[in-house]
Structure formats: C-alpha cells, structure tokens
Amino acid sequence: DHRHLAEAARQTNQFLSKTPQRKDASRR
C-alpha cells in the first residue's frame, strides 16, 4: 500500500512549491 507515501510526496511537493515569504523588516 503506497498511498501513504504518495500522500507524503504530494504534501512535500506542495510545501516546496510555495514561494518563500519575506519578512518585512519595517514591522514594529
């Protein structure tokens, strides 16, 4: 049963495809 591996791969790909959020240095 490879469903759990396929789901983990999907989640990893989704996480890695997100563009990194830049922290706003001007926030106080």
mmCIF file of all heavy atoms, coordinates in Angstrom:
data_MODEL
# 
_entry.id   MODEL 
# 
loop_
_atom_site.group_PDB 
_atom_site.id 
_atom_site.type_symbol 
_atom_site.label_atom_id 
_atom_site.label_alt_id 
_atom_site.label_comp_id 
_atom_site.label_asym_id 
_atom_site.label_entity_id 
_atom_site.label_seq_id 
_atom_site.pdbx_PDB_ins_code 
_atom_site.Cartn_x 
_atom_site.Cartn_y 
_atom_site.Cartn_z 
_atom_site.occupancy 
_atom_site.B_iso_or_equiv 
_atom_site.pdbx_formal_charge 
_atom_site.auth_seq_id 
_atom_site.auth_comp_id 
_atom_site.auth_asym_id 
_atom_site.auth_atom_id 
_atom_site.pdbx_PDB_model_num 
ATOM 1   N N   . ASP A 1 1  ? 0.853  -1.186 0.000  1.00 0.00 ? 1  ASP A N   1 
ATOM 2   C CA  . ASP A 1 1  ? 0.000  0.000  0.000  1.00 0.00 ? 1  ASP A CA  1 
ATOM 3   C C   . ASP A 1 1  ? 0.892  1.240  0.000  1.00 0.00 ? 1  ASP A C   1 
ATOM 4   O O   . ASP A 1 1  ? 1.520  1.554  1.003  1.00 0.00 ? 1  ASP A O   1 
ATOM 5   C CB  . ASP A 1 1  ? -0.907 -0.006 1.231  1.00 0.00 ? 1  ASP A CB  1 
ATOM 6   C CG  . ASP A 1 1  ? -1.921 1.116  1.209  1.00 0.00 ? 1  ASP A CG  1 
ATOM 7   O OD1 . ASP A 1 1  ? -1.914 1.924  0.262  1.00 0.00 ? 1  ASP A OD1 1 
ATOM 8   O OD2 . ASP A 1 1  ? -2.728 1.178  2.148  1.00 0.00 ? 1  ASP A OD2 1 
ATOM 9   N N   . HIS A 1 2  ? 0.960  1.898  -1.129 1.00 0.00 ? 2  HIS A N   1 
ATOM 10  C CA  . HIS A 1 2  ? 1.825  3.068  -1.275 1.00 0.00 ? 2  HIS A CA  1 
ATOM 11  C C   . HIS A 1 2  ? 1.063  4.373  -1.125 1.00 0.00 ? 2  HIS A C   1 
ATOM 12  O O   . HIS A 1 2  ? 1.608  5.439  -1.377 1.00 0.00 ? 2  HIS A O   1 
ATOM 13  C CB  . HIS A 1 2  ? 2.517  3.044  -2.649 1.00 0.00 ? 2  HIS A CB  1 
ATOM 14  C CG  . HIS A 1 2  ? 3.456  1.898  -2.807 1.00 0.00 ? 2  HIS A CG  1 
ATOM 15  N ND1 . HIS A 1 2  ? 4.646  1.820  -2.137 1.00 0.00 ? 2  HIS A ND1 1 
ATOM 16  C CD2 . HIS A 1 2  ? 3.378  0.783  -3.559 1.00 0.00 ? 2  HIS A CD2 1 
ATOM 17  C CE1 . HIS A 1 2  ? 5.267  0.709  -2.464 1.00 0.00 ? 2  HIS A CE1 1 
ATOM 18  N NE2 . HIS A 1 2  ? 4.522  0.054  -3.325 1.00 0.00 ? 2  HIS A NE2 1 
ATOM 19  N N   . ARG A 1 3  ? -0.196 4.318  -0.694 1.00 0.00 ? 3  ARG A N   1 
ATOM 20  C CA  . ARG A 1 3  ? -0.987 5.541  -0.591 1.00 0.00 ? 3  ARG A CA  1 
ATOM 21  C C   . ARG A 1 3  ? -0.388 6.537  0.392  1.00 0.00 ? 3  ARG A C   1 
ATOM 22  O O   . ARG A 1 3  ? -0.384 7.736  0.122  1.00 0.00 ? 3  ARG A O   1 
ATOM 23  C CB  . ARG A 1 3  ? -2.428 5.225  -0.207 1.00 0.00 ? 3  ARG A CB  1 
ATOM 24  C CG  . ARG A 1 3  ? -3.216 4.583  -1.342 1.00 0.00 ? 3  ARG A CG  1 
ATOM 25  C CD  . ARG A 1 3  ? -4.600 4.259  -0.904 1.00 0.00 ? 3  ARG A CD  1 
ATOM 26  N NE  . ARG A 1 3  ? -4.522 3.164  0.069  1.00 0.00 ? 3  ARG A NE  1 
ATOM 27  C CZ  . ARG A 1 3  ? -5.559 2.536  0.561  1.00 0.00 ? 3  ARG A CZ  1 
ATOM 28  N NH1 . ARG A 1 3  ? -6.768 2.901  0.225  1.00 0.00 ? 3  ARG A NH1 1 
ATOM 29  N NH2 . ARG A 1 3  ? -5.406 1.540  1.410  1.00 0.00 ? 3  ARG A NH2 1 
ATOM 30  N N   . HIS A 1 4  ? 0.124  6.050  1.525  1.00 0.00 ? 4  HIS A N   1 
ATOM 31  C CA  . HIS A 1 4  ? 0.697  6.971  2.497  1.00 0.00 ? 4  HIS A CA  1 
ATOM 32  C C   . HIS A 1 4  ? 1.953  7.639  1.953  1.00 0.00 ? 4  HIS A C   1 
ATOM 33  O O   . HIS A 1 4  ? 2.204  8.810  2.209  1.00 0.00 ? 4  HIS A O   1 
ATOM 34  C CB  . HIS A 1 4  ? 0.970  6.272  3.832  1.00 0.00 ? 4  HIS A CB  1 
ATOM 35  C CG  . HIS A 1 4  ? 2.010  5.202  3.762  1.00 0.00 ? 4  HIS A CG  1 
ATOM 36  N ND1 . HIS A 1 4  ? 1.777  3.977  3.197  1.00 0.00 ? 4  HIS A ND1 1 
ATOM 37  C CD2 . HIS A 1 4  ? 3.283  5.201  4.170  1.00 0.00 ? 4  HIS A CD2 1 
ATOM 38  C CE1 . HIS A 1 4  ? 2.876  3.260  3.274  1.00 0.00 ? 4  HIS A CE1 1 
ATOM 39  N NE2 . HIS A 1 4  ? 3.807  3.966  3.853  1.00 0.00 ? 4  HIS A NE2 1 
ATOM 40  N N   . LEU A 1 5  ? 2.735  6.916  1.160  1.00 0.00 ? 5  LEU A N   1 
ATOM 41  C CA  . LEU A 1 5  ? 3.924  7.517  0.542  1.00 0.00 ? 5  LEU A CA  1 
ATOM 42  C C   . LEU A 1 5  ? 3.532  8.535  -0.521 1.00 0.00 ? 5  LEU A C   1 
ATOM 43  O O   . LEU A 1 5  ? 4.151  9.601  -0.627 1.00 0.00 ? 5  LEU A O   1 
ATOM 44  C CB  . LEU A 1 5  ? 4.798  6.431  -0.080 1.00 0.00 ? 5  LEU A CB  1 
ATOM 45  C CG  . LEU A 1 5  ? 5.471  5.474  0.889  1.00 0.00 ? 5  LEU A CG  1 
ATOM 46  C CD1 . LEU A 1 5  ? 6.203  4.379  0.136  1.00 0.00 ? 5  LEU A CD1 1 
ATOM 47  C CD2 . LEU A 1 5  ? 6.418  6.218  1.805  1.00 0.00 ? 5  LEU A CD2 1 
ATOM 48  N N   . ALA A 1 6  ? 2.506  8.220  -1.284 1.00 0.00 ? 6  ALA A N   1 
ATOM 49  C CA  . ALA A 1 6  ? 2.052  9.153  -2.318 1.00 0.00 ? 6  ALA A CA  1 
ATOM 50  C C   . ALA A 1 6  ? 1.520  10.441 -1.680 1.00 0.00 ? 6  ALA A C   1 
ATOM 51  O O   . ALA A 1 6  ? 1.777  11.540 -2.179 1.00 0.00 ? 6  ALA A O   1 
ATOM 52  C CB  . ALA A 1 6  ? 0.978  8.504  -3.184 1.00 0.00 ? 6  ALA A CB  1 
ATOM 53  N N   . GLU A 1 7  ? 0.805  10.312 -0.574 1.00 0.00 ? 7  GLU A N   1 
ATOM 54  C CA  . GLU A 1 7  ? 0.285  11.497 0.114  1.00 0.00 ? 7  GLU A CA  1 
ATOM 55  C C   . GLU A 1 7  ? 1.425  12.330 0.703  1.00 0.00 ? 7  GLU A C   1 
ATOM 56  O O   . GLU A 1 7  ? 1.414  13.554 0.621  1.00 0.00 ? 7  GLU A O   1 
ATOM 57  C CB  . GLU A 1 7  ? -0.701 11.093 1.219  1.00 0.00 ? 7  GLU A CB  1 
ATOM 58  C CG  . GLU A 1 7  ? -1.230 12.241 2.044  1.00 0.00 ? 7  GLU A CG  1 
ATOM 59  C CD  . GLU A 1 7  ? -2.001 13.291 1.244  1.00 0.00 ? 7  GLU A CD  1 
ATOM 60  O OE1 . GLU A 1 7  ? -2.416 13.031 0.105  1.00 0.00 ? 7  GLU A OE1 1 
ATOM 61  O OE2 . GLU A 1 7  ? -2.187 14.402 1.780  1.00 0.00 ? 7  GLU A OE2 1 
ATOM 62  N N   . ALA A 1 8  ? 2.420  11.684 1.277  1.00 0.00 ? 8  ALA A N   1 
ATOM 63  C CA  . ALA A 1 8  ? 3.580  12.406 1.809  1.00 0.00 ? 8  ALA A CA  1 
ATOM 64  C C   . ALA A 1 8  ? 4.320  13.131 0.691  1.00 0.00 ? 8  ALA A C   1 
ATOM 65  O O   . ALA A 1 8  ? 4.752  14.276 0.865  1.00 0.00 ? 8  ALA A O   1 
ATOM 66  C CB  . ALA A 1 8  ? 4.513  11.447 2.541  1.00 0.00 ? 8  ALA A CB  1 
ATOM 67  N N   . ALA A 1 9  ? 4.461  12.494 -0.457 1.00 0.00 ? 9  ALA A N   1 
ATOM 68  C CA  . ALA A 1 9  ? 5.127  13.126 -1.597 1.00 0.00 ? 9  ALA A CA  1 
ATOM 69  C C   . ALA A 1 9  ? 4.325  14.328 -2.083 1.00 0.00 ? 9  ALA A C   1 
ATOM 70  O O   . ALA A 1 9  ? 4.892  15.382 -2.398 1.00 0.00 ? 9  ALA A O   1 
ATOM 71  C CB  . ALA A 1 9  ? 5.312  12.120 -2.732 1.00 0.00 ? 9  ALA A CB  1 
ATOM 72  N N   . ARG A 1 10 ? 3.001  14.194 -2.116 1.00 0.00 ? 10 ARG A N   1 
ATOM 73  C CA  . ARG A 1 10 ? 2.153  15.305 -2.539 1.00 0.00 ? 10 ARG A CA  1 
ATOM 74  C C   . ARG A 1 10 ? 2.303  16.487 -1.593 1.00 0.00 ? 10 ARG A C   1 
ATOM 75  O O   . ARG A 1 10 ? 2.479  17.620 -2.019 1.00 0.00 ? 10 ARG A O   1 
ATOM 76  C CB  . ARG A 1 10 ? 0.685  14.868 -2.598 1.00 0.00 ? 10 ARG A CB  1 
ATOM 77  C CG  . ARG A 1 10 ? -0.249 15.937 -3.170 1.00 0.00 ? 10 ARG A CG  1 
ATOM 78  C CD  . ARG A 1 10 ? -1.707 15.642 -2.902 1.00 0.00 ? 10 ARG A CD  1 
ATOM 79  N NE  . ARG A 1 10 ? -2.066 15.679 -1.494 1.00 0.00 ? 10 ARG A NE  1 
ATOM 80  C CZ  . ARG A 1 10 ? -2.180 16.806 -0.766 1.00 0.00 ? 10 ARG A CZ  1 
ATOM 81  N NH1 . ARG A 1 10 ? -1.944 17.972 -1.322 1.00 0.00 ? 10 ARG A NH1 1 
ATOM 82  N NH2 . ARG A 1 10 ? -2.502 16.760 0.510  1.00 0.00 ? 10 ARG A NH2 1 
ATOM 83  N N   . GLN A 1 11 ? 2.288  16.227 -0.298 1.00 0.00 ? 11 GLN A N   1 
ATOM 84  C CA  . GLN A 1 11 ? 2.428  17.301 0.683  1.00 0.00 ? 11 GLN A CA  1 
ATOM 85  C C   . GLN A 1 11 ? 3.799  17.955 0.603  1.00 0.00 ? 11 GLN A C   1 
ATOM 86  O O   . GLN A 1 11 ? 3.915  19.183 0.718  1.00 0.00 ? 11 GLN A O   1 
ATOM 87  C CB  . GLN A 1 11 ? 2.184  16.759 2.096  1.00 0.00 ? 11 GLN A CB  1 
ATOM 88  C CG  . GLN A 1 11 ? 0.747  16.400 2.364  1.00 0.00 ? 11 GLN A CG  1 
ATOM 89  C CD  . GLN A 1 11 ? 0.558  15.800 3.744  1.00 0.00 ? 11 GLN A CD  1 
ATOM 90  O OE1 . GLN A 1 11 ? 1.492  15.667 4.522  1.00 0.00 ? 11 GLN A OE1 1 
ATOM 91  N NE2 . GLN A 1 11 ? -0.684 15.423 4.042  1.00 0.00 ? 11 GLN A NE2 1 
ATOM 92  N N   . THR A 1 12 ? 4.835  17.145 0.396  1.00 0.00 ? 12 THR A N   1 
ATOM 93  C CA  . THR A 1 12 ? 6.183  17.693 0.263  1.00 0.00 ? 12 THR A CA  1 
ATOM 94  C C   . THR A 1 12 ? 6.290  18.572 -0.969 1.00 0.00 ? 12 THR A C   1 
ATOM 95  O O   . THR A 1 12 ? 6.843  19.674 -0.917 1.00 0.00 ? 12 THR A O   1 
ATOM 96  C CB  . THR A 1 12 ? 7.221  16.558 0.195  1.00 0.00 ? 12 THR A CB  1 
ATOM 97  O OG1 . THR A 1 12 ? 7.109  15.777 1.381  1.00 0.00 ? 12 THR A OG1 1 
ATOM 98  C CG2 . THR A 1 12 ? 8.628  17.098 0.057  1.00 0.00 ? 12 THR A CG2 1 
ATOM 99  N N   . ASN A 1 13 ? 5.752  18.108 -2.083 1.00 0.00 ? 13 ASN A N   1 
ATOM 100 C CA  . ASN A 1 13 ? 5.778  18.910 -3.305 1.00 0.00 ? 13 ASN A CA  1 
ATOM 101 C C   . ASN A 1 13 ? 5.005  20.205 -3.140 1.00 0.00 ? 13 ASN A C   1 
ATOM 102 O O   . ASN A 1 13 ? 5.436  21.260 -3.607 1.00 0.00 ? 13 ASN A O   1 
ATOM 103 C CB  . ASN A 1 13 ? 5.224  18.114 -4.482 1.00 0.00 ? 13 ASN A CB  1 
ATOM 104 C CG  . ASN A 1 13 ? 6.167  17.031 -4.930 1.00 0.00 ? 13 ASN A CG  1 
ATOM 105 O OD1 . ASN A 1 13 ? 7.374  17.125 -4.724 1.00 0.00 ? 13 ASN A OD1 1 
ATOM 106 N ND2 . ASN A 1 13 ? 5.627  15.986 -5.520 1.00 0.00 ? 13 ASN A ND2 1 
ATOM 107 N N   . GLN A 1 14 ? 3.877  20.144 -2.462 1.00 0.00 ? 14 GLN A N   1 
ATOM 108 C CA  . GLN A 1 14 ? 3.079  21.344 -2.221 1.00 0.00 ? 14 GLN A CA  1 
ATOM 109 C C   . GLN A 1 14 ? 3.867  22.337 -1.360 1.00 0.00 ? 14 GLN A C   1 
ATOM 110 O O   . GLN A 1 14 ? 3.895  23.525 -1.643 1.00 0.00 ? 14 GLN A O   1 
ATOM 111 C CB  . GLN A 1 14 ? 1.775  20.968 -1.530 1.00 0.00 ? 14 GLN A CB  1 
ATOM 112 C CG  . GLN A 1 14 ? 0.840  22.133 -1.301 1.00 0.00 ? 14 GLN A CG  1 
ATOM 113 C CD  . GLN A 1 14 ? -0.448 21.697 -0.602 1.00 0.00 ? 14 GLN A CD  1 
ATOM 114 O OE1 . GLN A 1 14 ? -0.492 20.634 0.035  1.00 0.00 ? 14 GLN A OE1 1 
ATOM 115 N NE2 . GLN A 1 14 ? -1.466 22.488 -0.726 1.00 0.00 ? 14 GLN A NE2 1 
ATOM 116 N N   . PHE A 1 15 ? 4.518  21.835 -0.315 1.00 0.00 ? 15 PHE A N   1 
ATOM 117 C CA  . PHE A 1 15 ? 5.311  22.696 0.559  1.00 0.00 ? 15 PHE A CA  1 
ATOM 118 C C   . PHE A 1 15 ? 6.475  23.324 -0.200 1.00 0.00 ? 15 PHE A C   1 
ATOM 119 O O   . PHE A 1 15 ? 6.737  24.525 -0.078 1.00 0.00 ? 15 PHE A O   1 
ATOM 120 C CB  . PHE A 1 15 ? 5.835  21.892 1.748  1.00 0.00 ? 15 PHE A CB  1 
ATOM 121 C CG  . PHE A 1 15 ? 6.762  22.665 2.638  1.00 0.00 ? 15 PHE A CG  1 
ATOM 122 C CD1 . PHE A 1 15 ? 6.267  23.572 3.547  1.00 0.00 ? 15 PHE A CD1 1 
ATOM 123 C CD2 . PHE A 1 15 ? 8.130  22.485 2.548  1.00 0.00 ? 15 PHE A CD2 1 
ATOM 124 C CE1 . PHE A 1 15 ? 7.119  24.288 4.375  1.00 0.00 ? 15 PHE A CE1 1 
ATOM 125 C CE2 . PHE A 1 15 ? 8.996  23.196 3.354  1.00 0.00 ? 15 PHE A CE2 1 
ATOM 126 C CZ  . PHE A 1 15 ? 8.485  24.103 4.271  1.00 0.00 ? 15 PHE A CZ  1 
ATOM 127 N N   . LEU A 1 16 ? 7.173  22.519 -0.990 1.00 0.00 ? 16 LEU A N   1 
ATOM 128 C CA  . LEU A 1 16 ? 8.351  23.022 -1.705 1.00 0.00 ? 16 LEU A CA  1 
ATOM 129 C C   . LEU A 1 16 ? 7.992  23.956 -2.851 1.00 0.00 ? 16 LEU A C   1 
ATOM 130 O O   . LEU A 1 16 ? 8.818  24.772 -3.263 1.00 0.00 ? 16 LEU A O   1 
ATOM 131 C CB  . LEU A 1 16 ? 9.185  21.856 -2.225 1.00 0.00 ? 16 LEU A CB  1 
ATOM 132 C CG  . LEU A 1 16 ? 9.833  20.989 -1.144 1.00 0.00 ? 16 LEU A CG  1 
ATOM 133 C CD1 . LEU A 1 16 ? 10.522 19.782 -1.772 1.00 0.00 ? 16 LEU A CD1 1 
ATOM 134 C CD2 . LEU A 1 16 ? 10.813 21.795 -0.307 1.00 0.00 ? 16 LEU A CD2 1 
ATOM 135 N N   . SER A 1 17 ? 6.780  23.870 -3.365 1.00 0.00 ? 17 SER A N   1 
ATOM 136 C CA  . SER A 1 17 ? 6.407  24.728 -4.488 1.00 0.00 ? 17 SER A CA  1 
ATOM 137 C C   . SER A 1 17 ? 5.963  26.120 -4.043 1.00 0.00 ? 17 SER A C   1 
ATOM 138 O O   . SER A 1 17 ? 5.839  27.016 -4.866 1.00 0.00 ? 17 SER A O   1 
ATOM 139 C CB  . SER A 1 17 ? 5.303  24.074 -5.315 1.00 0.00 ? 17 SER A CB  1 
ATOM 140 O OG  . SER A 1 17 ? 4.103  24.020 -4.569 1.00 0.00 ? 17 SER A OG  1 
ATOM 141 N N   . LYS A 1 18 ? 5.726  26.291 -2.757 1.00 0.00 ? 18 LYS A N   1 
ATOM 142 C CA  . LYS A 1 18 ? 5.331  27.610 -2.260 1.00 0.00 ? 18 LYS A CA  1 
ATOM 143 C C   . LYS A 1 18 ? 6.512  28.561 -2.335 1.00 0.00 ? 18 LYS A C   1 
ATOM 144 O O   . LYS A 1 18 ? 7.646  28.190 -2.081 1.00 0.00 ? 18 LYS A O   1 
ATOM 145 C CB  . LYS A 1 18 ? 4.856  27.522 -0.813 1.00 0.00 ? 18 LYS A CB  1 
ATOM 146 C CG  . LYS A 1 18 ? 3.553  26.799 -0.654 1.00 0.00 ? 18 LYS A CG  1 
ATOM 147 C CD  . LYS A 1 18 ? 3.151  26.783 0.806  1.00 0.00 ? 18 LYS A CD  1 
ATOM 148 C CE  . LYS A 1 18 ? 1.851  26.030 0.985  1.00 0.00 ? 18 LYS A CE  1 
ATOM 149 N NZ  . LYS A 1 18 ? 1.482  25.942 2.406  1.00 0.00 ? 18 LYS A NZ  1 
ATOM 150 N N   . THR A 1 19 ? 6.216  29.806 -2.704 1.00 0.00 ? 19 THR A N   1 
ATOM 151 C CA  . THR A 1 19 ? 7.276  30.804 -2.730 1.00 0.00 ? 19 THR A CA  1 
ATOM 152 C C   . THR A 1 19 ? 7.556  31.241 -1.297 1.00 0.00 ? 19 THR A C   1 
ATOM 153 O O   . THR A 1 19 ? 6.631  31.424 -0.500 1.00 0.00 ? 19 THR A O   1 
ATOM 154 C CB  . THR A 1 19 ? 6.875  32.028 -3.570 1.00 0.00 ? 19 THR A CB  1 
ATOM 155 O OG1 . THR A 1 19 ? 5.653  32.548 -3.055 1.00 0.00 ? 19 THR A OG1 1 
ATOM 156 C CG2 . THR A 1 19 ? 6.715  31.652 -5.022 1.00 0.00 ? 19 THR A CG2 1 
ATOM 157 N N   . PRO A 1 20 ? 8.810  31.396 -0.959 1.00 0.00 ? 20 PRO A N   1 
ATOM 158 C CA  . PRO A 1 20 ? 9.140  31.777 0.409  1.00 0.00 ? 20 PRO A CA  1 
ATOM 159 C C   . PRO A 1 20 ? 8.572  33.156 0.746  1.00 0.00 ? 20 PRO A C   1 
ATOM 160 O O   . PRO A 1 20 ? 8.606  34.065 -0.078 1.00 0.00 ? 20 PRO A O   1 
ATOM 161 C CB  . PRO A 1 20 ? 10.655 31.777 0.450  1.00 0.00 ? 20 PRO A CB  1 
ATOM 162 C CG  . PRO A 1 20 ? 11.129 31.554 -0.930 1.00 0.00 ? 20 PRO A CG  1 
ATOM 163 C CD  . PRO A 1 20 ? 9.973  31.221 -1.795 1.00 0.00 ? 20 PRO A CD  1 
ATOM 164 N N   . GLN A 1 21 ? 8.063  33.288 1.937  1.00 0.00 ? 21 GLN A N   1 
ATOM 165 C CA  . GLN A 1 21 ? 7.524  34.566 2.408  1.00 0.00 ? 21 GLN A CA  1 
ATOM 166 C C   . GLN A 1 21 ? 8.671  35.389 2.986  1.00 0.00 ? 21 GLN A C   1 
ATOM 167 O O   . GLN A 1 21 ? 9.406  34.935 3.832  1.00 0.00 ? 21 GLN A O   1 
ATOM 168 C CB  . GLN A 1 21 ? 6.467  34.321 3.494  1.00 0.00 ? 21 GLN A CB  1 
ATOM 169 C CG  . GLN A 1 21 ? 5.296  33.487 3.028  1.00 0.00 ? 21 GLN A CG  1 
ATOM 170 C CD  . GLN A 1 21 ? 4.452  34.229 2.007  1.00 0.00 ? 21 GLN A CD  1 
ATOM 171 O OE1 . GLN A 1 21 ? 4.283  35.437 2.091  1.00 0.00 ? 21 GLN A OE1 1 
ATOM 172 N NE2 . GLN A 1 21 ? 3.940  33.500 1.036  1.00 0.00 ? 21 GLN A NE2 1 
ATOM 173 N N   . ARG A 1 22 ? 8.797  36.613 2.498  1.00 0.00 ? 22 ARG A N   1 
ATOM 174 C CA  . ARG A 1 22 ? 9.833  37.503 3.014  1.00 0.00 ? 22 ARG A CA  1 
ATOM 175 C C   . ARG A 1 22 ? 9.304  38.223 4.234  1.00 0.00 ? 22 ARG A C   1 
ATOM 176 O O   . ARG A 1 22 ? 8.174  38.679 4.252  1.00 0.00 ? 22 ARG A O   1 
ATOM 177 C CB  . ARG A 1 22 ? 10.253 38.507 1.953  1.00 0.00 ? 22 ARG A CB  1 
ATOM 178 C CG  . ARG A 1 22 ? 10.954 37.841 0.795  1.00 0.00 ? 22 ARG A CG  1 
ATOM 179 C CD  . ARG A 1 22 ? 11.377 38.789 -0.258 1.00 0.00 ? 22 ARG A CD  1 
ATOM 180 N NE  . ARG A 1 22 ? 11.305 40.189 0.145  1.00 0.00 ? 22 ARG A NE  1 
ATOM 181 C CZ  . ARG A 1 22 ? 11.887 41.174 -0.501 1.00 0.00 ? 22 ARG A CZ  1 
ATOM 182 N NH1 . ARG A 1 22 ? 12.553 40.925 -1.568 1.00 0.00 ? 22 ARG A NH1 1 
ATOM 183 N NH2 . ARG A 1 22 ? 11.776 42.415 -0.093 1.00 0.00 ? 22 ARG A NH2 1 
ATOM 184 N N   . LYS A 1 23 ? 10.141 38.328 5.224  1.00 0.00 ? 23 LYS A N   1 
ATOM 185 C CA  . LYS A 1 23 ? 9.753  39.066 6.415  1.00 0.00 ? 23 LYS A CA  1 
ATOM 186 C C   . LYS A 1 23 ? 9.940  40.546 6.148  1.00 0.00 ? 23 LYS A C   1 
ATOM 187 O O   . LYS A 1 23 ? 10.953 40.973 5.599  1.00 0.00 ? 23 LYS A O   1 
ATOM 188 C CB  . LYS A 1 23 ? 10.590 38.632 7.611  1.00 0.00 ? 23 LYS A CB  1 
ATOM 189 C CG  . LYS A 1 23 ? 10.299 37.209 8.036  1.00 0.00 ? 23 LYS A CG  1 
ATOM 190 C CD  . LYS A 1 23 ? 11.065 36.864 9.269  1.00 0.00 ? 23 LYS A CD  1 
ATOM 191 C CE  . LYS A 1 23 ? 10.731 35.443 9.686  1.00 0.00 ? 23 LYS A CE  1 
ATOM 192 N NZ  . LYS A 1 23 ? 11.429 35.079 10.895 1.00 0.00 ? 23 LYS A NZ  1 
ATOM 193 N N   . ASP A 1 24 ? 8.971  41.319 6.539  1.00 0.00 ? 24 ASP A N   1 
ATOM 194 C CA  . ASP A 1 24 ? 9.017  42.763 6.355  1.00 0.00 ? 24 ASP A CA  1 
ATOM 195 C C   . ASP A 1 24 ? 9.855  43.367 7.487  1.00 0.00 ? 24 ASP A C   1 
ATOM 196 O O   . ASP A 1 24 ? 9.473  43.315 8.652  1.00 0.00 ? 24 ASP A O   1 
ATOM 197 C CB  . ASP A 1 24 ? 7.602  43.335 6.348  1.00 0.00 ? 24 ASP A CB  1 
ATOM 198 C CG  . ASP A 1 24 ? 7.588  44.798 5.997  1.00 0.00 ? 24 ASP A CG  1 
ATOM 199 O OD1 . ASP A 1 24 ? 8.660  45.365 5.731  1.00 0.00 ? 24 ASP A OD1 1 
ATOM 200 O OD2 . ASP A 1 24 ? 6.476  45.359 5.979  1.00 0.00 ? 24 ASP A OD2 1 
ATOM 201 N N   . ALA A 1 25 ? 10.995 43.932 7.123  1.00 0.00 ? 25 ALA A N   1 
ATOM 202 C CA  . ALA A 1 25 ? 11.921 44.497 8.131  1.00 0.00 ? 25 ALA A CA  1 
ATOM 203 C C   . ALA A 1 25 ? 11.346 45.746 8.798  1.00 0.00 ? 25 ALA A C   1 
ATOM 204 O O   . ALA A 1 25 ? 11.809 46.145 9.857  1.00 0.00 ? 25 ALA A O   1 
ATOM 205 C CB  . ALA A 1 25 ? 13.254 44.826 7.472  1.00 0.00 ? 25 ALA A CB  1 
ATOM 206 N N   . SER A 1 26 ? 10.344 46.358 8.192  1.00 0.00 ? 26 SER A N   1 
ATOM 207 C CA  . SER A 1 26 ? 9.818  47.603 8.748  1.00 0.00 ? 26 SER A CA  1 
ATOM 208 C C   . SER A 1 26 ? 8.735  47.345 9.805  1.00 0.00 ? 26 SER A C   1 
ATOM 209 O O   . SER A 1 26 ? 8.237  48.292 10.393 1.00 0.00 ? 26 SER A O   1 
ATOM 210 C CB  . SER A 1 26 ? 9.259  48.471 7.632  1.00 0.00 ? 26 SER A CB  1 
ATOM 211 O OG  . SER A 1 26 ? 8.150  47.847 7.043  1.00 0.00 ? 26 SER A OG  1 
ATOM 212 N N   . ARG A 1 27 ? 8.378  46.098 10.046 1.00 0.00 ? 27 ARG A N   1 
ATOM 213 C CA  . ARG A 1 27 ? 7.343  45.820 11.041 1.00 0.00 ? 27 ARG A CA  1 
ATOM 214 C C   . ARG A 1 27 ? 7.863  46.132 12.437 1.00 0.00 ? 27 ARG A C   1 
ATOM 215 O O   . ARG A 1 27 ? 8.972  45.815 12.786 1.00 0.00 ? 27 ARG A O   1 
ATOM 216 C CB  . ARG A 1 27 ? 6.916  44.346 10.961 1.00 0.00 ? 27 ARG A CB  1 
ATOM 217 C CG  . ARG A 1 27 ? 6.133  44.070 9.699  1.00 0.00 ? 27 ARG A CG  1 
ATOM 218 C CD  . ARG A 1 27 ? 5.706  42.657 9.573  1.00 0.00 ? 27 ARG A CD  1 
ATOM 219 N NE  . ARG A 1 27 ? 4.949  42.236 10.768 1.00 0.00 ? 27 ARG A NE  1 
ATOM 220 C CZ  . ARG A 1 27 ? 4.559  41.006 10.977 1.00 0.00 ? 27 ARG A CZ  1 
ATOM 221 N NH1 . ARG A 1 27 ? 4.861  40.076 10.101 1.00 0.00 ? 27 ARG A NH1 1 
ATOM 222 N NH2 . ARG A 1 27 ? 3.890  40.678 12.052 1.00 0.00 ? 27 ARG A NH2 1 
ATOM 223 N N   . ARG A 1 28 ? 7.027  46.733 13.248 1.00 0.00 ? 28 ARG A N   1 
ATOM 224 C CA  . ARG A 1 28 ? 7.444  47.148 14.573 1.00 0.00 ? 28 ARG A CA  1 
ATOM 225 C C   . ARG A 1 28 ? 6.715  46.390 15.684 1.00 0.00 ? 28 ARG A C   1 
ATOM 226 O O   . ARG A 1 28 ? 6.815  46.746 16.833 1.00 0.00 ? 28 ARG A O   1 
ATOM 227 C CB  . ARG A 1 28 ? 7.161  48.646 14.770 1.00 0.00 ? 28 ARG A CB  1 
ATOM 228 C CG  . ARG A 1 28 ? 7.763  49.514 13.710 1.00 0.00 ? 28 ARG A CG  1 
ATOM 229 C CD  . ARG A 1 28 ? 8.989  50.137 14.197 1.00 0.00 ? 28 ARG A CD  1 
ATOM 230 N NE  . ARG A 1 28 ? 9.522  50.968 13.132 1.00 0.00 ? 28 ARG A NE  1 
ATOM 231 C CZ  . ARG A 1 28 ? 10.767 51.281 13.078 1.00 0.00 ? 28 ARG A CZ  1 
ATOM 232 N NH1 . ARG A 1 28 ? 11.613 50.870 13.990 1.00 0.00 ? 28 ARG A NH1 1 
ATOM 233 N NH2 . ARG A 1 28 ? 11.212 52.021 12.102 1.00 0.00 ? 28 ARG A NH2 1 
# 
